[in-house]
């Protein structure tokens, strides 16, 4: 059912998942122990209802179809997996190493999105 949607809507759905996942992880400071799928899904539902233009472009019949929900659930899992496995860039690693040295602290991180968050967090501590 997901594949029947226009390419633009599919891209918008993926972007909304990425946006909300990264915002959610920032809100919990990328603490994996605080991750709660139900909380993430609540935030995603709120986002798509109030901020995602694609949601209004999908017919109510499609939104009610269980196959659509299954496809979206798969897309959520795929998108999160992609985010979590995207390695930090060499520039990010260099910047984090520099900031850790300045702060005399050591932080762990595992993906590009978490590195972005960590850079923002450490930069605010330095300034």
PDB file of N, CA and C in Angstrom:
ATOM      1  N   UNK A   1       0.829  -1.194   0.000  1.00  0.00           N
ATOM      2  CA  UNK A   1       0.000   0.000   0.000  1.00  0.00           C
ATOM      3  C   UNK A   1       0.874   1.259   0.000  1.00  0.00           C
ATOM      4  N   UNK A   2       1.955   1.226   0.762  1.00  0.00           N
ATOM      5  CA  UNK A   2       2.877   2.361   0.831  1.00  0.00           C
ATOM      6  C   UNK A   2       3.426   2.679  -0.560  1.00  0.00           C
ATOM      7  N   UNK A   3       3.711   1.635  -1.313  1.00  0.00           N
ATOM      8  CA  UNK A   3       4.289   1.819  -2.653  1.00  0.00           C
ATOM      9  C   UNK A   3       3.315   2.449  -3.633  1.00  0.00           C
ATOM     10  N   UNK A   4       2.037   2.465  -3.310  1.00  0.00           N
ATOM     11  CA  UNK A   4       1.037   3.089  -4.177  1.00  0.00           C
ATOM     12  C   UNK A   4       1.018   4.612  -4.035  1.00  0.00           C
ATOM     13  N   UNK A   5       1.641   5.117  -2.994  1.00  0.00           N
ATOM     14  CA  UNK A   5       1.689   6.562  -2.770  1.00  0.00           C
ATOM     15  C   UNK A   5       2.678   7.205  -3.733  1.00  0.00           C
ATOM     16  N   UNK A   6       2.502   8.488  -3.962  1.00  0.00           N
ATOM     17  CA  UNK A   6       3.417   9.206  -4.847  1.00  0.00           C
ATOM     18  C   UNK A   6       4.812   9.258  -4.211  1.00  0.00           C
ATOM     19  N   UNK A   7       5.839   9.366  -5.040  1.00  0.00           N
ATOM     20  CA  UNK A   7       7.201   9.457  -4.500  1.00  0.00           C
ATOM     21  C   UNK A   7       7.368  10.621  -3.515  1.00  0.00           C
ATOM     22  N   UNK A   8       6.719  11.743  -3.796  1.00  0.00           N
ATOM     23  CA  UNK A   8       6.815  12.899  -2.895  1.00  0.00           C
ATOM     24  C   UNK A   8       6.247  12.615  -1.521  1.00  0.00           C
ATOM     25  N   UNK A   9       5.126  11.928  -1.473  1.00  0.00           N
ATOM     26  CA  UNK A   9       4.512  11.597  -0.179  1.00  0.00           C
ATOM     27  C   UNK A   9       5.380  10.588   0.566  1.00  0.00           C
ATOM     28  N   UNK A  10       5.925   9.604  -0.143  1.00  0.00           N
ATOM     29  CA  UNK A  10       6.793   8.616   0.511  1.00  0.00           C
ATOM     30  C   UNK A  10       8.023   9.289   1.108  1.00  0.00           C
ATOM     31  N   UNK A  11       8.601  10.218   0.361  1.00  0.00           N
ATOM     32  CA  UNK A  11       9.763  10.953   0.870  1.00  0.00           C
ATOM     33  C   UNK A  11       9.371  11.788   2.089  1.00  0.00           C
ATOM     34  N   UNK A  12       8.210  12.431   2.016  1.00  0.00           N
ATOM     35  CA  UNK A  12       7.735  13.254   3.142  1.00  0.00           C
ATOM     36  C   UNK A  12       7.483  12.410   4.387  1.00  0.00           C
ATOM     37  N   UNK A  13       6.961  11.220   4.207  1.00  0.00           N
ATOM     38  CA  UNK A  13       6.735  10.322   5.347  1.00  0.00           C
ATOM     39  C   UNK A  13       8.076   9.969   5.980  1.00  0.00           C
ATOM     40  N   UNK A  14       9.045   9.604   5.155  1.00  0.00           N
ATOM     41  CA  UNK A  14      10.375   9.266   5.676  1.00  0.00           C
ATOM     42  C   UNK A  14      10.995  10.440   6.412  1.00  0.00           C
ATOM     43  N   UNK A  15      10.871  11.625   5.842  1.00  0.00           N
ATOM     44  CA  UNK A  15      11.428  12.823   6.496  1.00  0.00           C
ATOM     45  C   UNK A  15      10.746  13.089   7.831  1.00  0.00           C
ATOM     46  N   UNK A  16       9.428  12.906   7.875  1.00  0.00           N
ATOM     47  CA  UNK A  16       8.724  13.157   9.139  1.00  0.00           C
ATOM     48  C   UNK A  16       9.173  12.170  10.210  1.00  0.00           C
ATOM     49  N   UNK A  17       9.410  10.933   9.819  1.00  0.00           N
ATOM     50  CA  UNK A  17       9.904   9.941  10.778  1.00  0.00           C
ATOM     51  C   UNK A  17      11.279  10.355  11.281  1.00  0.00           C
ATOM     52  N   UNK A  18      12.169  10.702  10.361  1.00  0.00           N
ATOM     53  CA  UNK A  18      13.524  11.116  10.743  1.00  0.00           C
ATOM     54  C   UNK A  18      13.503  12.332  11.651  1.00  0.00           C
ATOM     55  N   UNK A  19      12.732  13.328  11.265  1.00  0.00           N
ATOM     56  CA  UNK A  19      12.648  14.568  12.046  1.00  0.00           C
ATOM     57  C   UNK A  19      12.188  14.291  13.464  1.00  0.00           C
ATOM     58  N   UNK A  20      11.109  13.554  13.589  1.00  0.00           N
ATOM     59  CA  UNK A  20      10.554  13.307  14.926  1.00  0.00           C
ATOM     60  C   UNK A  20      11.466  12.396  15.731  1.00  0.00           C
ATOM     61  N   UNK A  21      12.057  11.394  15.103  1.00  0.00           N
ATOM     62  CA  UNK A  21      12.956  10.506  15.843  1.00  0.00           C
ATOM     63  C   UNK A  21      14.142  11.289  16.398  1.00  0.00           C
ATOM     64  N   UNK A  22      14.749  12.120  15.567  1.00  0.00           N
ATOM     65  CA  UNK A  22      15.897  12.891  16.039  1.00  0.00           C
ATOM     66  C   UNK A  22      15.492  13.889  17.123  1.00  0.00           C
ATOM     67  N   UNK A  23      14.337  14.524  16.977  1.00  0.00           N
ATOM     68  CA  UNK A  23      13.848  15.434  18.021  1.00  0.00           C
ATOM     69  C   UNK A  23      13.587  14.678  19.316  1.00  0.00           C
ATOM     70  N   UNK A  24      12.959  13.517  19.195  1.00  0.00           N
ATOM     71  CA  UNK A  24      12.668  12.708  20.380  1.00  0.00           C
ATOM     72  C   UNK A  24      13.967  12.307  21.079  1.00  0.00           C
ATOM     73  N   UNK A  25      14.942  11.846  20.317  1.00  0.00           N
ATOM     74  CA  UNK A  25      16.206  11.424  20.914  1.00  0.00           C
ATOM     75  C   UNK A  25      16.929  12.610  21.559  1.00  0.00           C
ATOM     76  N   UNK A  26      16.836  13.782  20.946  1.00  0.00           N
ATOM     77  CA  UNK A  26      17.427  14.965  21.570  1.00  0.00           C
ATOM     78  C   UNK A  26      16.727  15.280  22.889  1.00  0.00           C
ATOM     79  N   UNK A  27      15.416  15.139  22.916  1.00  0.00           N
ATOM     80  CA  UNK A  27      14.660  15.412  24.142  1.00  0.00           C
ATOM     81  C   UNK A  27      15.067  14.492  25.291  1.00  0.00           C
ATOM     82  N   UNK A  28      15.447  13.266  24.952  1.00  0.00           N
ATOM     83  CA  UNK A  28      15.886  12.335  26.004  1.00  0.00           C
ATOM     84  C   UNK A  28      17.412  12.281  26.083  1.00  0.00           C
ATOM     85  N   UNK A  29      18.054  13.259  25.448  1.00  0.00           N
ATOM     86  CA  UNK A  29      19.512  13.421  25.463  1.00  0.00           C
ATOM     87  C   UNK A  29      20.238  12.164  24.963  1.00  0.00           C
ATOM     88  N   UNK A  30      19.642  11.517  23.967  1.00  0.00           N
ATOM     89  CA  UNK A  30      20.189  10.314  23.361  1.00  0.00           C
ATOM     90  C   UNK A  30      20.509   9.249  24.402  1.00  0.00           C
ATOM     91  N   UNK A  31      19.738   9.211  25.478  1.00  0.00           N
ATOM     92  CA  UNK A  31      19.900   8.190  26.517  1.00  0.00           C
ATOM     93  C   UNK A  31      19.045   6.981  26.141  1.00  0.00           C
ATOM     94  N   UNK A  32      19.696   5.929  25.670  1.00  0.00           N
ATOM     95  CA  UNK A  32      18.987   4.743  25.201  1.00  0.00           C
ATOM     96  C   UNK A  32      18.102   4.126  26.282  1.00  0.00           C
ATOM     97  N   UNK A  33      18.478   4.303  27.541  1.00  0.00           N
ATOM     98  CA  UNK A  33      17.670   3.753  28.639  1.00  0.00           C
ATOM     99  C   UNK A  33      16.342   4.468  28.795  1.00  0.00           C
ATOM    100  N   UNK A  34      16.255   5.693  28.294  1.00  0.00           N
ATOM    101  CA  UNK A  34      15.017   6.463  28.386  1.00  0.00           C
ATOM    102  C   UNK A  34      14.118   6.283  27.169  1.00  0.00           C
ATOM    103  N   UNK A  35      14.634   5.613  26.128  1.00  0.00           N
ATOM    104  CA  UNK A  35      13.851   5.435  24.906  1.00  0.00           C
ATOM    105  C   UNK A  35      12.610   4.605  25.202  1.00  0.00           C
ATOM    106  N   UNK A  36      11.472   5.111  24.713  1.00  0.00           N
ATOM    107  CA  UNK A  36      10.201   4.417  24.880  1.00  0.00           C
ATOM    108  C   UNK A  36       9.450   4.526  23.559  1.00  0.00           C
ATOM    109  N   UNK A  37       9.205   3.391  22.929  1.00  0.00           N
ATOM    110  CA  UNK A  37       8.553   3.386  21.627  1.00  0.00           C
ATOM    111  C   UNK A  37       7.192   4.063  21.676  1.00  0.00           C
ATOM    112  N   UNK A  38       6.437   3.830  22.726  1.00  0.00           N
ATOM    113  CA  UNK A  38       5.113   4.456  22.835  1.00  0.00           C
ATOM    114  C   UNK A  38       5.221   5.974  22.880  1.00  0.00           C
ATOM    115  N   UNK A  39       6.196   6.487  23.617  1.00  0.00           N
ATOM    116  CA  UNK A  39       6.387   7.938  23.682  1.00  0.00           C
ATOM    117  C   UNK A  39       6.781   8.492  22.321  1.00  0.00           C
ATOM    118  N   UNK A  40       7.682   7.783  21.640  1.00  0.00           N
ATOM    119  CA  UNK A  40       8.075   8.220  20.304  1.00  0.00           C
ATOM    120  C   UNK A  40       6.864   8.240  19.376  1.00  0.00           C
ATOM    121  N   UNK A  41       6.043   7.203  19.415  1.00  0.00           N
ATOM    122  CA  UNK A  41       4.881   7.124  18.535  1.00  0.00           C
ATOM    123  C   UNK A  41       3.874   8.229  18.846  1.00  0.00           C
ATOM    124  N   UNK A  42       3.721   8.583  20.114  1.00  0.00           N
ATOM    125  CA  UNK A  42       2.839   9.706  20.467  1.00  0.00           C
ATOM    126  C   UNK A  42       3.348  10.994  19.843  1.00  0.00           C
ATOM    127  N   UNK A  43       4.645  11.215  19.924  1.00  0.00           N
ATOM    128  CA  UNK A  43       5.219  12.428  19.330  1.00  0.00           C
ATOM    129  C   UNK A  43       5.069  12.409  17.817  1.00  0.00           C
ATOM    130  N   UNK A  44       5.247  11.242  17.213  1.00  0.00           N
ATOM    131  CA  UNK A  44       5.120  11.159  15.766  1.00  0.00           C
ATOM    132  C   UNK A  44       3.685  11.419  15.327  1.00  0.00           C
ATOM    133  N   UNK A  45       2.713  10.846  16.050  1.00  0.00           N
ATOM    134  CA  UNK A  45       1.298  11.096  15.724  1.00  0.00           C
ATOM    135  C   UNK A  45       0.965  12.573  15.850  1.00  0.00           C
ATOM    136  N   UNK A  46       1.461  13.210  16.907  1.00  0.00           N
ATOM    137  CA  UNK A  46       1.211  14.637  17.103  1.00  0.00           C
ATOM    138  C   UNK A  46       1.821  15.426  15.945  1.00  0.00           C
ATOM    139  N   UNK A  47       3.009  15.062  15.552  1.00  0.00           N
ATOM    140  CA  UNK A  47       3.696  15.758  14.465  1.00  0.00           C
ATOM    141  C   UNK A  47       2.931  15.614  13.156  1.00  0.00           C
ATOM    142  N   UNK A  48       2.545  14.398  12.810  1.00  0.00           N
ATOM    143  CA  UNK A  48       1.877  14.214  11.514  1.00  0.00           C
ATOM    144  C   UNK A  48       0.507  14.872  11.490  1.00  0.00           C
ATOM    145  N   UNK A  49      -0.167  14.909  12.619  1.00  0.00           N
ATOM    146  CA  UNK A  49      -1.480  15.552  12.671  1.00  0.00           C
ATOM    147  C   UNK A  49      -1.392  17.069  12.592  1.00  0.00           C
ATOM    148  N   UNK A  50      -0.312  17.646  13.108  1.00  0.00           N
ATOM    149  CA  UNK A  50      -0.228  19.096  13.216  1.00  0.00           C
ATOM    150  C   UNK A  50       0.815  19.774  12.327  1.00  0.00           C
ATOM    151  N   UNK A  51       1.762  19.006  11.803  1.00  0.00           N
ATOM    152  CA  UNK A  51       2.854  19.657  11.074  1.00  0.00           C
ATOM    153  C   UNK A  51       3.198  19.030   9.729  1.00  0.00           C
ATOM    154  N   UNK A  52       2.746  17.826   9.465  1.00  0.00           N
ATOM    155  CA  UNK A  52       3.145  17.125   8.238  1.00  0.00           C
ATOM    156  C   UNK A  52       2.126  17.373   7.124  1.00  0.00           C
ATOM    157  N   UNK A  53       2.573  18.028   6.068  1.00  0.00           N
ATOM    158  CA  UNK A  53       1.666  18.331   4.960  1.00  0.00           C
ATOM    159  C   UNK A  53       1.202  17.069   4.240  1.00  0.00           C
ATOM    160  N   UNK A  54       2.015  16.023   4.250  1.00  0.00           N
ATOM    161  CA  UNK A  54       1.640  14.803   3.541  1.00  0.00           C
ATOM    162  C   UNK A  54       0.406  14.151   4.137  1.00  0.00           C
ATOM    163  N   UNK A  55       0.180  14.322   5.429  1.00  0.00           N
ATOM    164  CA  UNK A  55      -0.918  13.625   6.102  1.00  0.00           C
ATOM    165  C   UNK A  55      -2.272  14.023   5.508  1.00  0.00           C
ATOM    166  N   UNK A  56      -2.423  15.277   5.149  1.00  0.00           N
ATOM    167  CA  UNK A  56      -3.664  15.733   4.544  1.00  0.00           C
ATOM    168  C   UNK A  56      -3.822  15.306   3.097  1.00  0.00           C
ATOM    169  N   UNK A  57      -2.734  14.876   2.489  1.00  0.00           N
ATOM    170  CA  UNK A  57      -2.774  14.455   1.093  1.00  0.00           C
ATOM    171  C   UNK A  57      -3.103  12.971   0.927  1.00  0.00           C
ATOM    172  N   UNK A  58      -3.078  12.241   2.022  1.00  0.00           N
ATOM    173  CA  UNK A  58      -3.398  10.809   1.977  1.00  0.00           C
ATOM    174  C   UNK A  58      -4.883  10.649   2.297  1.00  0.00           C
ATOM    175  N   UNK A  59      -5.570   9.902   1.473  1.00  0.00           N
ATOM    176  CA  UNK A  59      -7.023   9.744   1.659  1.00  0.00           C
ATOM    177  C   UNK A  59      -7.339   9.034   2.967  1.00  0.00           C
ATOM    178  N   UNK A  60      -8.519   9.314   3.493  1.00  0.00           N
ATOM    179  CA  UNK A  60      -8.969   8.659   4.721  1.00  0.00           C
ATOM    180  C   UNK A  60      -9.069   7.147   4.543  1.00  0.00           C
ATOM    181  N   UNK A  61      -9.447   6.705   3.338  1.00  0.00           N
ATOM    182  CA  UNK A  61      -9.529   5.263   3.081  1.00  0.00           C
ATOM    183  C   UNK A  61      -8.164   4.599   3.253  1.00  0.00           C
ATOM    184  N   UNK A  62      -7.135   5.235   2.739  1.00  0.00           N
ATOM    185  CA  UNK A  62      -5.785   4.681   2.889  1.00  0.00           C
ATOM    186  C   UNK A  62      -5.372   4.715   4.355  1.00  0.00           C
ATOM    187  N   UNK A  63      -5.634   5.828   5.032  1.00  0.00           N
ATOM    188  CA  UNK A  63      -5.254   5.951   6.441  1.00  0.00           C
ATOM    189  C   UNK A  63      -5.937   4.903   7.311  1.00  0.00           C
ATOM    190  N   UNK A  64      -7.125   4.472   6.928  1.00  0.00           N
ATOM    191  CA  UNK A  64      -7.872   3.478   7.715  1.00  0.00           C
ATOM    192  C   UNK A  64      -7.441   2.045   7.415  1.00  0.00           C
ATOM    193  N   UNK A  65      -6.736   1.840   6.323  1.00  0.00           N
ATOM    194  CA  UNK A  65      -6.369   0.493   5.888  1.00  0.00           C
ATOM    195  C   UNK A  65      -5.241  -0.071   6.757  1.00  0.00           C
ATOM    196  N   UNK A  66      -5.451  -1.241   7.346  1.00  0.00           N
ATOM    197  CA  UNK A  66      -4.405  -1.847   8.184  1.00  0.00           C
ATOM    198  C   UNK A  66      -3.092  -2.080   7.431  1.00  0.00           C
ATOM    199  N   UNK A  67      -3.170  -2.316   6.129  1.00  0.00           N
ATOM    200  CA  UNK A  67      -1.951  -2.512   5.344  1.00  0.00           C
ATOM    201  C   UNK A  67      -1.104  -1.244   5.324  1.00  0.00           C
ATOM    202  N   UNK A  68      -1.760  -0.096   5.291  1.00  0.00           N
ATOM    203  CA  UNK A  68      -1.034   1.176   5.328  1.00  0.00           C
ATOM    204  C   UNK A  68      -0.287   1.298   6.656  1.00  0.00           C
ATOM    205  N   UNK A  69      -0.958   0.951   7.739  1.00  0.00           N
ATOM    206  CA  UNK A  69      -0.328   1.027   9.061  1.00  0.00           C
ATOM    207  C   UNK A  69       0.848   0.059   9.168  1.00  0.00           C
ATOM    208  N   UNK A  70       0.709  -1.127   8.599  1.00  0.00           N
ATOM    209  CA  UNK A  70       1.811  -2.090   8.588  1.00  0.00           C
ATOM    210  C   UNK A  70       2.987  -1.547   7.788  1.00  0.00           C
ATOM    211  N   UNK A  71       2.684  -0.965   6.626  1.00  0.00           N
ATOM    212  CA  UNK A  71       3.742  -0.403   5.787  1.00  0.00           C
ATOM    213  C   UNK A  71       4.440   0.764   6.472  1.00  0.00           C
ATOM    214  N   UNK A  72       3.674   1.603   7.133  1.00  0.00           N
ATOM    215  CA  UNK A  72       4.269   2.747   7.836  1.00  0.00           C
ATOM    216  C   UNK A  72       5.123   2.249   9.003  1.00  0.00           C
ATOM    217  N   UNK A  73       4.657   1.224   9.708  1.00  0.00           N
ATOM    218  CA  UNK A  73       5.449   0.656  10.803  1.00  0.00           C
ATOM    219  C   UNK A  73       6.784   0.125  10.273  1.00  0.00           C
ATOM    220  N   UNK A  74       6.744  -0.550   9.132  1.00  0.00           N
ATOM    221  CA  UNK A  74       7.991  -1.032   8.513  1.00  0.00           C
ATOM    222  C   UNK A  74       8.889   0.145   8.151  1.00  0.00           C
ATOM    223  N   UNK A  75       8.293   1.198   7.596  1.00  0.00           N
ATOM    224  CA  UNK A  75       9.071   2.379   7.204  1.00  0.00           C
ATOM    225  C   UNK A  75       9.689   3.044   8.433  1.00  0.00           C
ATOM    226  N   UNK A  76       8.952   3.091   9.518  1.00  0.00           N
ATOM    227  CA  UNK A  76       9.498   3.656  10.762  1.00  0.00           C
ATOM    228  C   UNK A  76      10.718   2.851  11.195  1.00  0.00           C
ATOM    229  N   UNK A  77      10.591   1.532  11.214  1.00  0.00           N
ATOM    230  CA  UNK A  77      11.714   0.679  11.620  1.00  0.00           C
ATOM    231  C   UNK A  77      12.909   0.847  10.689  1.00  0.00           C
ATOM    232  N   UNK A  78      12.662   0.882   9.384  1.00  0.00           N
ATOM    233  CA  UNK A  78      13.744   1.053   8.414  1.00  0.00           C
ATOM    234  C   UNK A  78      14.433   2.404   8.593  1.00  0.00           C
ATOM    235  N   UNK A  79      13.647   3.442   8.794  1.00  0.00           N
ATOM    236  CA  UNK A  79      14.199   4.792   8.923  1.00  0.00           C
ATOM    237  C   UNK A  79      15.028   4.920  10.192  1.00  0.00           C
ATOM    238  N   UNK A  80      14.516   4.399  11.291  1.00  0.00           N
ATOM    239  CA  UNK A  80      15.270   4.449  12.551  1.00  0.00           C
ATOM    240  C   UNK A  80      16.559   3.641  12.415  1.00  0.00           C
ATOM    241  N   UNK A  81      16.468   2.471  11.803  1.00  0.00           N
ATOM    242  CA  UNK A  81      17.662   1.639  11.597  1.00  0.00           C
ATOM    243  C   UNK A  81      18.703   2.398  10.769  1.00  0.00           C
ATOM    244  N   UNK A  82      18.249   3.077   9.741  1.00  0.00           N
ATOM    245  CA  UNK A  82      19.160   3.845   8.889  1.00  0.00           C
ATOM    246  C   UNK A  82      19.842   4.954   9.693  1.00  0.00           C
ATOM    247  N   UNK A  83      19.070   5.660  10.509  1.00  0.00           N
ATOM    248  CA  UNK A  83      19.633   6.737  11.333  1.00  0.00           C
ATOM    249  C   UNK A  83      20.678   6.177  12.291  1.00  0.00           C
ATOM    250  N   UNK A  84      20.339   5.069  12.942  1.00  0.00           N
ATOM    251  CA  UNK A  84      21.224   4.509  13.964  1.00  0.00           C
ATOM    252  C   UNK A  84      22.484   3.860  13.404  1.00  0.00           C
ATOM    253  N   UNK A  85      22.483   3.543  12.124  1.00  0.00           N
ATOM    254  CA  UNK A  85      23.656   2.891  11.541  1.00  0.00           C
ATOM    255  C   UNK A  85      24.493   3.827  10.668  1.00  0.00           C
ATOM    256  N   UNK A  86      24.058   5.066  10.506  1.00  0.00           N
ATOM    257  CA  UNK A  86      24.829   6.016   9.712  1.00  0.00           C
ATOM    258  C   UNK A  86      26.000   6.518  10.554  1.00  0.00           C
ATOM    259  N   UNK A  87      27.198   6.219  10.112  1.00  0.00           N
ATOM    260  CA  UNK A  87      28.386   6.538  10.906  1.00  0.00           C
ATOM    261  C   UNK A  87      28.656   8.040  10.923  1.00  0.00           C
ATOM    262  N   UNK A  88      29.213   8.527  12.021  1.00  0.00           N
ATOM    263  CA  UNK A  88      29.574   9.943  12.096  1.00  0.00           C
ATOM    264  C   UNK A  88      30.609  10.288  11.023  1.00  0.00           C
ATOM    265  N   UNK A  89      30.559  11.517  10.570  1.00  0.00           N
ATOM    266  CA  UNK A  89      31.528  11.965   9.562  1.00  0.00           C
ATOM    267  C   UNK A  89      32.879  12.190  10.230  1.00  0.00           C
ATOM    268  N   UNK A  90      33.944  12.152   9.456  1.00  0.00           N
ATOM    269  CA  UNK A  90      35.264  12.465  10.025  1.00  0.00           C
ATOM    270  C   UNK A  90      35.304  13.855  10.675  1.00  0.00           C
ATOM    271  N   UNK A  91      34.609  14.826  10.080  1.00  0.00           N
ATOM    272  CA  UNK A  91      34.551  16.172  10.679  1.00  0.00           C
ATOM    273  C   UNK A  91      33.871  16.134  12.037  1.00  0.00           C
ATOM    274  N   UNK A  92      32.792  15.369  12.146  1.00  0.00           N
ATOM    275  CA  UNK A  92      32.102  15.259  13.431  1.00  0.00           C
ATOM    276  C   UNK A  92      33.019  14.628  14.484  1.00  0.00           C
ATOM    277  N   UNK A  93      33.690  13.554  14.105  1.00  0.00           N
ATOM    278  CA  UNK A  93      34.598  12.870  15.040  1.00  0.00           C
ATOM    279  C   UNK A  93      35.698  13.825  15.501  1.00  0.00           C
ATOM    280  N   UNK A  94      36.249  14.556  14.564  1.00  0.00           N
ATOM    281  CA  UNK A  94      37.306  15.521  14.899  1.00  0.00           C
ATOM    282  C   UNK A  94      36.780  16.597  15.856  1.00  0.00           C
ATOM    283  N   UNK A  95      35.601  17.138  15.551  1.00  0.00           N
ATOM    284  CA  UNK A  95      35.014  18.192  16.393  1.00  0.00           C
ATOM    285  C   UNK A  95      34.714  17.662  17.795  1.00  0.00           C
ATOM    286  N   UNK A  96      34.163  16.464  17.888  1.00  0.00           N
ATOM    287  CA  UNK A  96      33.863  15.879  19.206  1.00  0.00           C
ATOM    288  C   UNK A  96      35.152  15.655  19.983  1.00  0.00           C
ATOM    289  N   UNK A  97      36.173  15.140  19.333  1.00  0.00           N
ATOM    290  CA  UNK A  97      37.453  14.928  20.015  1.00  0.00           C
ATOM    291  C   UNK A  97      38.015  16.243  20.548  1.00  0.00           C
ATOM    292  N   UNK A  98      37.911  17.299  19.741  1.00  0.00           N
ATOM    293  CA  UNK A  98      38.388  18.615  20.166  1.00  0.00           C
ATOM    294  C   UNK A  98      37.598  19.106  21.381  1.00  0.00           C
ATOM    295  N   UNK A  99      36.285  18.998  21.331  1.00  0.00           N
ATOM    296  CA  UNK A  99      35.438  19.470  22.428  1.00  0.00           C
ATOM    297  C   UNK A  99      35.665  18.642  23.693  1.00  0.00           C
ATOM    298  N   UNK A 100      35.810  17.337  23.541  1.00  0.00           N
ATOM    299  CA  UNK A 100      36.064  16.483  24.705  1.00  0.00           C
ATOM    300  C   UNK A 100      37.391  16.858  25.369  1.00  0.00           C
ATOM    301  N   UNK A 101      38.365  17.169  24.546  1.00  0.00           N
ATOM    302  CA  UNK A 101      39.670  17.568  25.063  1.00  0.00           C
ATOM    303  C   UNK A 101      39.544  18.863  25.860  1.00  0.00           C
ATOM    304  N   UNK A 102      38.810  19.838  25.308  1.00  0.00           N
ATOM    305  CA  UNK A 102      38.613  21.118  25.992  1.00  0.00           C
ATOM    306  C   UNK A 102      37.894  20.930  27.327  1.00  0.00           C
ATOM    307  N   UNK A 103      36.899  20.052  27.330  1.00  0.00           N
ATOM    308  CA  UNK A 103      36.086  19.843  28.526  1.00  0.00           C
ATOM    309  C   UNK A 103      36.677  18.802  29.470  1.00  0.00           C
ATOM    310  N   UNK A 104      37.715  18.123  29.006  1.00  0.00           N
ATOM    311  CA  UNK A 104      38.350  17.051  29.784  1.00  0.00           C
ATOM    312  C   UNK A 104      37.317  15.996  30.196  1.00  0.00           C
ATOM    313  N   UNK A 105      36.485  15.628  29.233  1.00  0.00           N
ATOM    314  CA  UNK A 105      35.461  14.611  29.444  1.00  0.00           C
ATOM    315  C   UNK A 105      35.462  13.679  28.245  1.00  0.00           C
ATOM    316  N   UNK A 106      34.925  12.503  28.441  1.00  0.00           N
ATOM    317  CA  UNK A 106      34.858  11.526  27.367  1.00  0.00           C
ATOM    318  C   UNK A 106      33.421  11.061  27.198  1.00  0.00           C
ATOM    319  N   UNK A 107      32.907  11.170  25.990  1.00  0.00           N
ATOM    320  CA  UNK A 107      31.527  10.786  25.702  1.00  0.00           C
ATOM    321  C   UNK A 107      31.516   9.711  24.621  1.00  0.00           C
ATOM    322  N   UNK A 108      30.553   8.844  24.716  1.00  0.00           N
ATOM    323  CA  UNK A 108      30.402   7.842  23.661  1.00  0.00           C
ATOM    324  C   UNK A 108      29.226   8.244  22.770  1.00  0.00           C
ATOM    325  N   UNK A 109      29.336   7.858  21.533  1.00  0.00           N
ATOM    326  CA  UNK A 109      28.284   8.129  20.554  1.00  0.00           C
ATOM    327  C   UNK A 109      28.435   7.089  19.461  1.00  0.00           C
ATOM    328  N   UNK A 110      27.361   6.837  18.737  1.00  0.00           N
ATOM    329  CA  UNK A 110      27.445   5.731  17.794  1.00  0.00           C
ATOM    330  C   UNK A 110      26.980   6.050  16.375  1.00  0.00           C
ATOM    331  N   UNK A 111      26.310   7.166  16.172  1.00  0.00           N
ATOM    332  CA  UNK A 111      25.798   7.444  14.830  1.00  0.00           C
ATOM    333  C   UNK A 111      25.917   8.937  14.526  1.00  0.00           C
ATOM    334  N   UNK A 112      25.693   9.252  13.264  1.00  0.00           N
ATOM    335  CA  UNK A 112      25.835  10.626  12.790  1.00  0.00           C
ATOM    336  C   UNK A 112      24.876  11.582  13.513  1.00  0.00           C
ATOM    337  N   UNK A 113      23.623  11.153  13.691  1.00  0.00           N
ATOM    338  CA  UNK A 113      22.641  12.029  14.347  1.00  0.00           C
ATOM    339  C   UNK A 113      23.003  12.263  15.809  1.00  0.00           C
ATOM    340  N   UNK A 114      23.475  11.227  16.484  1.00  0.00           N
ATOM    341  CA  UNK A 114      23.884  11.388  17.875  1.00  0.00           C
ATOM    342  C   UNK A 114      25.123  12.276  17.959  1.00  0.00           C
ATOM    343  N   UNK A 115      26.027  12.140  17.005  1.00  0.00           N
ATOM    344  CA  UNK A 115      27.221  12.996  16.971  1.00  0.00           C
ATOM    345  C   UNK A 115      26.817  14.456  16.800  1.00  0.00           C
ATOM    346  N   UNK A 116      25.849  14.709  15.934  1.00  0.00           N
ATOM    347  CA  UNK A 116      25.359  16.080  15.732  1.00  0.00           C
ATOM    348  C   UNK A 116      24.830  16.644  17.055  1.00  0.00           C
ATOM    349  N   UNK A 117      24.026  15.852  17.754  1.00  0.00           N
ATOM    350  CA  UNK A 117      23.496  16.271  19.048  1.00  0.00           C
ATOM    351  C   UNK A 117      24.629  16.542  20.036  1.00  0.00           C
ATOM    352  N   UNK A 118      25.596  15.628  20.086  1.00  0.00           N
ATOM    353  CA  UNK A 118      26.694  15.756  21.039  1.00  0.00           C
ATOM    354  C   UNK A 118      27.515  17.017  20.754  1.00  0.00           C
ATOM    355  N   UNK A 119      27.747  17.308  19.494  1.00  0.00           N
ATOM    356  CA  UNK A 119      28.490  18.533  19.131  1.00  0.00           C
ATOM    357  C   UNK A 119      27.748  19.773  19.635  1.00  0.00           C
ATOM    358  N   UNK A 120      26.435  19.803  19.425  1.00  0.00           N
ATOM    359  CA  UNK A 120      25.652  20.943  19.901  1.00  0.00           C
ATOM    360  C   UNK A 120      25.717  21.051  21.426  1.00  0.00           C
ATOM    361  N   UNK A 121      25.579  19.932  22.092  1.00  0.00           N
ATOM    362  CA  UNK A 121      25.584  19.916  23.550  1.00  0.00           C
ATOM    363  C   UNK A 121      26.945  20.332  24.107  1.00  0.00           C
ATOM    364  N   UNK A 122      28.010  19.776  23.567  1.00  0.00           N
ATOM    365  CA  UNK A 122      29.349  20.104  24.060  1.00  0.00           C
ATOM    366  C   UNK A 122      29.740  21.546  23.727  1.00  0.00           C
ATOM    367  N   UNK A 123      29.331  22.016  22.552  1.00  0.00           N
ATOM    368  CA  UNK A 123      29.625  23.405  22.171  1.00  0.00           C
ATOM    369  C   UNK A 123      28.970  24.371  23.144  1.00  0.00           C
ATOM    370  N   UNK A 124      27.745  24.068  23.559  1.00  0.00           N
ATOM    371  CA  UNK A 124      27.073  24.957  24.514  1.00  0.00           C
ATOM    372  C   UNK A 124      27.765  24.921  25.874  1.00  0.00           C
ATOM    373  N   UNK A 125      28.392  23.818  26.226  1.00  0.00           N
ATOM    374  CA  UNK A 125      29.113  23.739  27.484  1.00  0.00           C
ATOM    375  C   UNK A 125      30.421  24.533  27.440  1.00  0.00           C
ATOM    376  N   UNK A 126      31.034  24.578  26.272  1.00  0.00           N
ATOM    377  CA  UNK A 126      32.288  25.313  26.112  1.00  0.00           C
ATOM    378  C   UNK A 126      32.039  26.817  26.142  1.00  0.00           C
ATOM    379  N   UNK A 127      30.905  27.237  25.538  1.00  0.00           N
ATOM    380  CA  UNK A 127      30.599  28.669  25.452  1.00  0.00           C
ATOM    381  C   UNK A 127      29.971  29.157  26.682  1.00  0.00           C
TER     382      UNK A 127
END
